[in-house]
Amino acid sequence: MRMKLRNGPLETNPLEGGIRSDYHDTYLGLIQLLVEAASLEHSLMISYLFSLFSIKSEFSNIAGDLSSLSFLQNSPQGPDGKKSLNRPPSLLEIAIEEMQHLSIINKLLVSLGASPHVVPHFFPLSSDLYPFNIELRPFDRYSTATFLWLEASSGSLSLHPEARIERESEPLIHDIRETLWQNCKRSGGPQINLEIASHIGSIYKVILLQFRKLSDSPPPIISPDFPWGEWEQKLRWIMGQGEINHYRFFRDVFTGAAFNFEGDWKIGMARENFYWKSAYPGRKDSIKNEDARQLSWLSNLHYWIILCILDLAYREKDHRLKYTGIDHMTTSLWRLGIHLADIYNVGLPFDSMSTRYSLGKDPRMSREILKCLVYEAENFAHQLDAFNILPPDYSRTQFRQTISSLEAAKHIDL
């Protein structure tokens, strides 16, 4: 897997480390950077969700819970608007905001004429851009430190001389660094370099630089009336939300400054032995309990349906399909995640599907093949239901609604 972004000519600030485009062509370089950003946003989204389900019930205010407004309340278009920046979010809200970021990046890719990208990185994610692995792991002090580090601005946790204006207090920086170092030593992993570029904001700064270069001299394949200013505002909103809202959340949890946690990590916020396992059968890392493994496989099917729906929705610019994907998340995947955690102490595996999420040679065939996947999941859910394995609040009607949405779907330009 290529994660090295050092070859191209784009010059960046030292705090952005080695983040570069691989291409001299500005358009190709921007597409590459946006694809990397989409993979990272997706990877963080499922990392946050996995950690969320590990949190004990007594810390539910940190985990958060779904409501009818969950996918809108932190959006600029939502009922709270900018007021949401002034209240402490939950981990669920942050995960949902990562979904919104992923959506914006994919819409930009499609607007630029490129394919959408709904594929996360493989876990554990390790590359020269990040000083530690990004993993699916419980919400412990180490994972909180990694999330805090990733969401920070490029200068707030750096000891580089150019970061002195926006830098956090040195005791906090050293505490975070020591937490990352100690886990690295316990796991026997390689030494980590905390001075390399490792912040999401750093990537978006480079994207914005490349975006402005392209806007100065766009290729003829881009429409003359392309709204460069609107998209730049959206990119800045993504970067600001991470560096402000998300960063504050993880900092407050790490230090115990909010949520009545008091920073006492000795008592632990996560369930014990809540580690990632695969729902694929017959592997050394497969989930041992067969009921839990089959429920986890059903969660995989829902996760893959959601990604295939989103890929189709971005390609066809059909917002109705996107809402169908959200319905799968709220009525099915979320219920399975809660049930697996509470009953089996198992986290959603988020396994990779063995085929591409763009299923067909054209939109019509993608819809037909996706319907086959929905029927596959529906039949499997019926089998589990016959053995009383499904959670009681799991939706038994979502599959029919999804089939209806796919049959009604057509290309519309919204």
Protein backbone atom coordinates (compact mmCIF):
# COMPACT_ATOMS: atom_id res chain seq x y z
CA MET A 1 0.00 0.00 0.00
CA ARG A 2 1.45 3.40 -1.00
CA MET A 3 1.29 6.02 1.67
CA LYS A 4 4.40 8.02 0.74
CA LEU A 5 3.69 11.58 -0.39
CA ARG A 6 7.15 13.02 -0.93
CA ASN A 7 7.94 13.04 -4.64
CA GLY A 8 6.20 16.09 -6.05
CA PRO A 9 7.35 19.68 -6.28
CA LEU A 10 4.85 21.22 -3.85
CA GLU A 11 6.66 23.14 -1.11
CA THR A 12 5.24 22.97 2.41
CA ASN A 13 5.89 24.33 5.86
CA PRO A 14 8.27 22.25 8.04
CA LEU A 15 5.37 21.55 10.40
CA GLU A 16 3.66 19.68 7.56
CA GLY A 17 6.67 17.38 7.32
CA GLY A 18 6.92 15.26 4.19
CA ILE A 19 3.36 15.58 2.90
CA ARG A 20 3.69 16.15 -0.84
CA SER A 21 1.88 15.32 -4.02
CA ASP A 22 3.46 12.56 -6.07
CA TYR A 23 2.63 14.40 -9.30
CA HIS A 24 3.85 17.50 -11.07
CA ASP A 25 0.43 17.78 -12.70
CA THR A 26 -1.61 19.91 -10.26
CA TYR A 27 -4.92 18.20 -11.04
CA LEU A 28 -3.52 14.69 -10.52
CA GLY A 29 -1.83 15.85 -7.34
CA LEU A 30 -5.04 17.24 -5.87
CA ILE A 31 -7.01 14.08 -6.70
CA GLN A 32 -4.35 11.97 -5.00
CA LEU A 33 -4.38 14.12 -1.88
CA LEU A 34 -8.19 14.06 -1.70
CA VAL A 35 -8.21 10.26 -2.02
CA GLU A 36 -5.72 10.05 0.86
CA ALA A 37 -7.90 12.40 2.91
CA ALA A 38 -11.01 10.32 2.17
CA SER A 39 -9.26 7.14 3.30
CA LEU A 40 -8.08 8.84 6.48
CA GLU A 41 -11.49 10.31 7.33
CA HIS A 42 -13.08 6.89 6.79
CA SER A 43 -10.42 5.16 8.90
CA LEU A 44 -10.87 7.63 11.74
CA MET A 45 -14.66 7.30 11.55
CA ILE A 46 -14.58 3.55 12.12
CA SER A 47 -11.78 3.88 14.70
CA TYR A 48 -13.99 6.25 16.69
CA LEU A 49 -17.01 3.96 16.33
CA PHE A 50 -15.06 0.91 17.48
CA SER A 51 -13.77 2.83 20.51
CA LEU A 52 -17.26 4.18 21.19
CA PHE A 53 -18.75 0.70 21.60
CA SER A 54 -15.98 -0.20 24.04
CA ILE A 55 -16.97 2.54 26.52
CA LYS A 56 -18.69 1.39 29.72
CA SER A 57 -22.30 2.43 30.27
CA GLU A 58 -21.39 4.73 33.18
CA PHE A 59 -19.52 6.94 30.70
CA SER A 60 -22.41 7.17 28.23
CA ASN A 61 -22.14 10.98 28.20
CA ILE A 62 -18.73 10.57 26.55
CA ALA A 63 -19.89 7.86 24.14
CA GLY A 64 -23.12 9.58 23.05
CA ASP A 65 -26.30 8.10 21.66
CA LEU A 66 -28.25 8.28 18.43
CA SER A 67 -31.19 10.62 18.02
CA SER A 68 -33.27 11.71 15.07
CA LEU A 69 -30.96 14.74 14.71
CA SER A 70 -27.65 12.93 15.18
CA PHE A 71 -26.53 13.32 11.57
CA LEU A 72 -27.43 17.01 11.44
CA GLN A 73 -26.85 18.58 14.84
CA ASN A 74 -23.18 19.40 14.24
CA SER A 75 -23.56 20.27 10.57
CA PRO A 76 -23.60 23.93 9.49
CA GLN A 77 -26.95 23.10 7.88
CA GLY A 78 -28.27 21.45 11.06
CA PRO A 79 -30.55 22.91 13.76
CA ASP A 80 -27.65 24.04 15.96
CA GLY A 81 -25.53 25.54 13.19
CA LYS A 82 -22.39 27.22 14.49
CA LYS A 83 -23.66 27.03 18.07
CA SER A 84 -22.51 23.39 18.16
CA LEU A 85 -18.89 24.62 18.37
CA ASN A 86 -19.65 26.01 21.84
CA ARG A 87 -20.78 22.78 23.51
CA PRO A 88 -18.83 19.60 24.31
CA PRO A 89 -19.54 16.89 21.74
CA SER A 90 -19.68 13.14 22.28
CA LEU A 91 -17.51 10.56 20.57
CA LEU A 92 -20.52 9.53 18.46
CA GLU A 93 -21.00 13.10 17.24
CA ILE A 94 -17.34 13.27 16.28
CA ALA A 95 -17.64 9.99 14.37
CA ILE A 96 -20.69 11.38 12.56
CA GLU A 97 -18.76 14.52 11.70
CA GLU A 98 -16.05 12.31 10.18
CA MET A 99 -18.82 10.79 8.04
CA GLN A 100 -19.76 14.31 6.97
CA HIS A 101 -16.12 15.07 6.14
CA LEU A 102 -15.93 11.88 4.08
CA SER A 103 -19.09 12.94 2.27
CA ILE A 104 -17.73 16.40 1.46
CA ILE A 105 -14.44 15.01 0.13
CA ASN A 106 -16.26 12.53 -2.08
CA LYS A 107 -18.60 15.19 -3.42
CA LEU A 108 -15.57 17.32 -4.25
CA LEU A 109 -13.89 14.39 -6.02
CA VAL A 110 -16.99 13.83 -8.14
CA SER A 111 -17.36 17.56 -8.83
CA LEU A 112 -13.79 17.55 -10.12
CA GLY A 113 -14.65 14.64 -12.42
CA ALA A 114 -12.93 11.92 -10.38
CA SER A 115 -14.33 8.75 -8.86
CA PRO A 116 -15.63 8.75 -5.28
CA HIS A 117 -13.47 6.92 -2.76
CA VAL A 118 -15.14 5.04 0.12
CA VAL A 119 -12.30 2.62 0.93
CA PRO A 120 -10.61 3.01 4.34
CA HIS A 121 -6.98 2.22 5.00
CA PHE A 122 -6.09 -1.28 6.07
CA PHE A 123 -5.64 -1.66 9.82
CA PRO A 124 -3.35 -1.26 11.58
CA LEU A 125 -2.51 1.80 9.48
CA SER A 126 1.20 2.53 9.58
CA SER A 127 3.15 4.80 7.27
CA ASP A 128 5.79 7.48 7.15
CA LEU A 129 3.02 10.10 7.58
CA TYR A 130 1.96 8.89 11.04
CA PRO A 131 4.27 8.23 14.00
CA PHE A 132 2.14 5.35 15.36
CA ASN A 133 -0.31 2.79 14.07
CA ILE A 134 -3.96 3.83 13.77
CA GLU A 135 -5.85 0.83 15.09
CA LEU A 136 -9.30 -0.41 15.99
CA ARG A 137 -8.88 -0.53 19.75
CA PRO A 138 -10.76 0.28 22.97
CA PHE A 139 -11.07 3.82 24.28
CA ASP A 140 -8.08 3.81 26.63
CA ARG A 141 -5.60 6.54 27.41
CA TYR A 142 -3.30 5.53 24.57
CA SER A 143 -6.03 5.58 21.90
CA THR A 144 -7.22 8.94 23.25
CA ALA A 145 -3.66 10.27 22.94
CA THR A 146 -3.43 9.07 19.32
CA PHE A 147 -6.79 10.66 18.46
CA LEU A 148 -5.76 13.87 20.19
CA TRP A 149 -2.48 13.91 18.29
CA LEU A 150 -4.13 13.29 14.93
CA GLU A 151 -6.80 15.98 15.39
CA ALA A 152 -4.35 18.62 16.65
CA SER A 153 -3.22 21.53 14.52
CA SER A 154 0.23 21.17 13.01
CA GLY A 155 1.82 23.36 15.68
CA SER A 156 -0.09 22.79 18.92
CA LEU A 157 1.78 19.64 20.04
CA SER A 158 5.06 20.27 18.25
CA LEU A 159 8.35 21.27 19.86
CA HIS A 160 9.48 22.80 16.57
CA PRO A 161 10.57 26.45 17.00
CA GLU A 162 8.02 27.65 14.42
CA ALA A 163 5.17 26.28 16.56
CA ARG A 164 5.80 28.40 19.64
CA ILE A 165 2.81 30.74 19.12
CA GLU A 166 0.07 28.11 18.97
CA ARG A 167 1.75 25.45 21.11
CA GLU A 168 0.02 23.76 24.04
CA SER A 169 1.59 23.83 27.51
CA GLU A 170 4.77 21.80 27.69
CA PRO A 171 3.51 19.55 30.56
CA LEU A 172 0.57 18.47 28.41
CA ILE A 173 2.79 17.92 25.37
CA HIS A 174 5.18 15.79 27.40
CA ASP A 175 2.30 13.84 28.98
CA ILE A 176 0.87 13.00 25.55
CA ARG A 177 4.27 12.09 24.15
CA GLU A 178 5.10 9.91 27.15
CA THR A 179 1.78 8.06 26.77
CA LEU A 180 2.55 7.36 23.12
CA TRP A 181 6.13 6.33 23.88
CA GLN A 182 5.21 4.00 26.74
CA ASN A 183 2.65 2.11 24.66
CA CYS A 184 5.20 1.79 21.87
CA LYS A 185 7.69 0.27 24.31
CA ARG A 186 5.10 -2.11 25.83
CA SER A 187 3.98 -3.36 22.43
CA GLY A 188 7.56 -3.91 21.26
CA GLY A 189 6.96 -1.77 18.20
CA PRO A 190 9.55 0.39 16.43
CA GLN A 191 10.56 3.74 17.86
CA ILE A 192 8.26 6.54 16.80
CA ASN A 193 9.22 9.96 15.52
CA LEU A 194 6.79 12.55 16.89
CA GLU A 195 8.34 15.35 14.86
CA ILE A 196 7.09 14.10 11.50
CA ALA A 197 3.80 15.27 9.99
CA SER A 198 1.01 13.39 11.71
CA HIS A 199 -1.99 15.70 11.94
CA ILE A 200 -5.12 15.75 9.82
CA GLY A 201 -4.94 19.53 9.64
CA SER A 202 -1.48 19.25 8.11
CA ILE A 203 -2.90 17.22 5.25
CA TYR A 204 -5.70 19.73 4.67
CA LYS A 205 -3.26 22.63 4.62
CA VAL A 206 -1.42 20.92 1.77
CA ILE A 207 -4.74 20.14 0.04
CA LEU A 208 -5.75 23.80 0.28
CA LEU A 209 -2.41 24.88 -1.15
CA GLN A 210 -2.79 22.45 -4.05
CA PHE A 211 -6.45 23.46 -4.48
CA ARG A 212 -5.53 27.13 -4.85
CA LYS A 213 -2.79 26.26 -7.36
CA LEU A 214 -5.33 24.36 -9.45
CA SER A 215 -7.89 27.18 -9.23
CA ASP A 216 -5.30 29.61 -10.62
CA SER A 217 -4.89 27.49 -13.75
CA PRO A 218 -7.64 24.85 -14.03
CA PRO A 219 -7.54 22.26 -16.80
CA PRO A 220 -10.24 22.34 -19.51
CA ILE A 221 -11.89 19.20 -18.08
CA ILE A 222 -13.18 21.31 -15.18
CA SER A 223 -16.25 23.48 -15.79
CA PRO A 224 -15.51 27.21 -16.17
CA ASP A 225 -18.17 27.98 -13.53
CA PHE A 226 -16.72 25.57 -10.94
CA PRO A 227 -17.37 27.18 -7.49
CA TRP A 228 -13.80 27.32 -6.21
CA GLY A 229 -14.61 29.65 -3.32
CA GLU A 230 -17.43 27.48 -1.97
CA TRP A 231 -15.31 24.35 -1.98
CA GLU A 232 -12.39 26.11 -0.32
CA GLN A 233 -14.74 27.17 2.49
CA LYS A 234 -15.88 23.57 2.93
CA LEU A 235 -12.29 22.33 3.12
CA ARG A 236 -11.49 24.99 5.70
CA TRP A 237 -14.58 23.97 7.68
CA ILE A 238 -13.38 20.34 7.78
CA MET A 239 -9.93 21.37 8.97
CA GLY A 240 -11.26 23.82 11.55
CA GLN A 241 -13.79 21.37 12.97
CA GLY A 242 -11.05 18.82 13.57
CA GLU A 243 -8.55 21.27 15.02
CA ILE A 244 -11.14 22.93 17.30
CA ASN A 245 -14.11 20.71 18.15
CA HIS A 246 -12.48 17.29 17.88
CA TYR A 247 -9.20 18.38 19.40
CA ARG A 248 -10.93 19.96 22.41
CA PHE A 249 -12.97 16.81 23.00
CA PHE A 250 -9.98 14.47 23.08
CA ARG A 251 -7.89 16.92 25.08
CA ASP A 252 -10.64 17.27 27.71
CA VAL A 253 -11.03 13.51 27.98
CA PHE A 254 -7.27 12.94 28.11
CA THR A 255 -6.75 15.53 30.86
CA GLY A 256 -10.05 14.96 32.71
CA ALA A 257 -11.05 18.60 32.20
CA ALA A 258 -14.65 17.69 31.38
CA PHE A 259 -17.24 14.91 31.46
CA ASN A 260 -16.77 14.25 35.21
CA PHE A 261 -14.05 11.73 34.41
CA GLU A 262 -11.48 13.51 36.59
CA GLY A 263 -8.68 12.04 34.48
CA ASP A 264 -8.56 8.87 36.59
CA TRP A 265 -7.51 6.44 33.87
CA LYS A 266 -6.72 3.79 36.49
CA ILE A 267 -10.39 2.90 36.76
CA GLY A 268 -10.60 2.60 32.99
CA MET A 269 -13.30 3.89 30.69
CA ALA A 270 -13.39 0.88 28.35
CA ARG A 271 -14.69 -2.64 28.79
CA GLU A 272 -12.00 -5.21 29.58
CA ASN A 273 -10.59 -7.40 26.80
CA PHE A 274 -12.44 -5.43 24.14
CA TYR A 275 -10.08 -6.08 21.27
CA TRP A 276 -10.55 -6.23 17.53
CA LYS A 277 -11.41 -9.59 15.99
CA SER A 278 -12.54 -10.53 12.48
CA ALA A 279 -15.98 -11.86 11.52
CA TYR A 280 -14.45 -13.95 8.74
CA PRO A 281 -14.52 -17.61 9.84
CA GLY A 282 -11.53 -19.90 10.20
CA ARG A 283 -8.88 -17.26 10.78
CA LYS A 284 -6.48 -17.00 13.69
CA ASP A 285 -8.05 -13.65 14.57
CA SER A 286 -11.68 -14.76 14.08
CA ILE A 287 -14.27 -14.05 16.77
CA LYS A 288 -14.47 -17.20 18.93
CA ASN A 289 -18.11 -17.10 20.03
CA GLU A 290 -20.08 -18.34 17.01
CA ASP A 291 -23.25 -16.35 17.77
CA ALA A 292 -21.18 -13.19 18.13
CA ARG A 293 -19.23 -13.98 14.96
CA GLN A 294 -22.42 -14.44 12.92
CA LEU A 295 -23.89 -11.20 14.27
CA SER A 296 -20.61 -9.53 13.41
CA TRP A 297 -20.81 -10.96 9.90
CA LEU A 298 -24.28 -9.44 9.58
CA SER A 299 -22.77 -6.12 10.71
CA ASN A 300 -20.18 -6.49 7.94
CA LEU A 301 -22.95 -6.98 5.41
CA HIS A 302 -24.66 -3.80 6.62
CA TYR A 303 -21.36 -1.89 6.57
CA TRP A 304 -20.65 -3.02 2.99
CA ILE A 305 -24.21 -2.19 1.88
CA ILE A 306 -23.77 1.31 3.32
CA LEU A 307 -20.48 1.84 1.45
CA CYS A 308 -21.91 0.51 -1.83
CA ILE A 309 -24.96 2.76 -1.42
CA LEU A 310 -22.76 5.77 -0.75
CA ASP A 311 -20.51 5.03 -3.72
CA LEU A 312 -23.61 4.85 -5.93
CA ALA A 313 -25.12 7.97 -4.37
CA TYR A 314 -21.98 10.04 -5.02
CA ARG A 315 -21.68 8.81 -8.60
CA GLU A 316 -25.34 9.49 -9.38
CA LYS A 317 -25.62 12.61 -7.19
CA ASP A 318 -28.73 11.09 -5.60
CA HIS A 319 -29.23 12.36 -2.05
CA ARG A 320 -32.08 9.91 -1.50
CA LEU A 321 -29.65 6.99 -1.64
CA LYS A 322 -27.37 8.72 0.87
CA TYR A 323 -30.27 8.89 3.33
CA THR A 324 -30.89 5.19 2.75
CA GLY A 325 -27.31 4.56 3.83
CA ILE A 326 -27.90 6.63 6.98
CA ASP A 327 -31.02 4.56 7.69
CA HIS A 328 -28.91 1.39 7.58
CA MET A 329 -26.52 2.97 10.05
CA THR A 330 -29.20 4.01 12.54
CA THR A 331 -31.67 1.12 12.34
CA SER A 332 -29.27 -1.77 11.91
CA LEU A 333 -25.51 -1.28 12.26
CA TRP A 334 -25.83 0.86 15.40
CA ARG A 335 -28.19 -1.66 17.06
CA LEU A 336 -25.83 -4.53 16.25
CA GLY A 337 -22.87 -2.59 17.67
CA ILE A 338 -24.63 -1.94 20.97
CA HIS A 339 -25.84 -5.55 21.23
CA LEU A 340 -22.44 -7.09 20.43
CA ALA A 341 -20.74 -4.90 23.02
CA ASP A 342 -23.32 -5.41 25.78
CA ILE A 343 -23.94 -9.13 25.34
CA TYR A 344 -20.69 -10.51 23.91
CA ASN A 345 -18.06 -7.85 24.69
CA VAL A 346 -17.24 -7.78 20.97
CA GLY A 347 -16.63 -4.75 18.76
CA LEU A 348 -17.86 -4.21 15.22
CA PRO A 349 -15.12 -5.71 13.00
CA PHE A 350 -15.45 -3.39 9.98
CA ASP A 351 -13.84 -6.11 7.84
CA SER A 352 -12.99 -5.25 4.24
CA MET A 353 -15.23 -6.68 1.53
CA SER A 354 -13.49 -8.92 -0.99
CA THR A 355 -14.81 -6.93 -3.94
CA ARG A 356 -14.94 -3.26 -4.85
CA TYR A 357 -17.70 -1.06 -3.47
CA SER A 358 -18.44 0.14 -6.99
CA LEU A 359 -20.09 -3.15 -7.88
CA GLY A 360 -21.15 -2.88 -11.54
CA LYS A 361 -19.86 -1.74 -14.89
CA ASP A 362 -22.44 1.07 -14.87
CA PRO A 363 -24.98 2.54 -12.39
CA ARG A 364 -27.76 0.19 -13.48
CA MET A 365 -25.64 -2.92 -12.91
CA SER A 366 -24.31 -1.49 -9.64
CA ARG A 367 -27.89 -1.20 -8.40
CA GLU A 368 -28.73 -4.74 -9.50
CA ILE A 369 -25.65 -6.27 -7.87
CA LEU A 370 -26.24 -4.19 -4.73
CA LYS A 371 -29.78 -5.58 -4.56
CA CYS A 372 -28.20 -9.07 -4.54
CA LEU A 373 -26.07 -8.02 -1.56
CA VAL A 374 -29.14 -6.66 0.24
CA TYR A 375 -31.01 -9.94 -0.34
CA GLU A 376 -27.96 -11.83 0.94
CA ALA A 377 -28.00 -9.81 4.15
CA GLU A 378 -31.77 -10.12 4.51
CA ASN A 379 -31.71 -13.91 4.20
CA PHE A 380 -28.88 -14.17 6.68
CA ALA A 381 -30.70 -11.91 9.14
CA HIS A 382 -33.82 -14.11 8.83
CA GLN A 383 -31.71 -17.16 9.75
CA LEU A 384 -30.33 -15.43 12.84
CA ASP A 385 -33.81 -14.24 13.78
CA ALA A 386 -35.11 -17.81 13.65
CA PHE A 387 -32.60 -18.68 16.38
CA ASN A 388 -33.48 -15.56 18.43
CA ILE A 389 -29.99 -14.14 18.00
CA LEU A 390 -30.89 -10.71 16.62
CA PRO A 391 -31.28 -7.79 19.06
CA PRO A 392 -34.95 -6.91 19.70
CA ASP A 393 -34.62 -3.33 18.42
CA TYR A 394 -32.92 -4.36 15.16
CA SER A 395 -34.98 -3.29 12.15
CA ARG A 396 -36.57 -6.19 10.26
CA THR A 397 -37.95 -3.89 7.57
CA GLN A 398 -34.85 -1.94 6.52
CA PHE A 399 -33.97 -4.39 3.74
CA ARG A 400 -37.34 -3.94 2.01
CA GLN A 401 -37.00 -0.17 2.26
CA THR A 402 -33.52 -0.34 0.76
CA ILE A 403 -34.70 -2.47 -2.16
CA SER A 404 -37.48 0.04 -2.82
CA SER A 405 -34.95 2.90 -2.79
CA LEU A 406 -32.68 1.10 -5.24
CA GLU A 407 -35.54 0.29 -7.58
CA ALA A 408 -36.67 3.92 -7.53
CA ALA A 409 -33.15 5.33 -7.95
CA LYS A 410 -32.30 7.16 -11.12
CA HIS A 411 -29.75 9.76 -12.13
CA ILE A 412 -30.77 13.16 -10.88
CA ASP A 413 -28.57 16.23 -10.71
CA LEU A 414 -29.12 17.90 -7.35
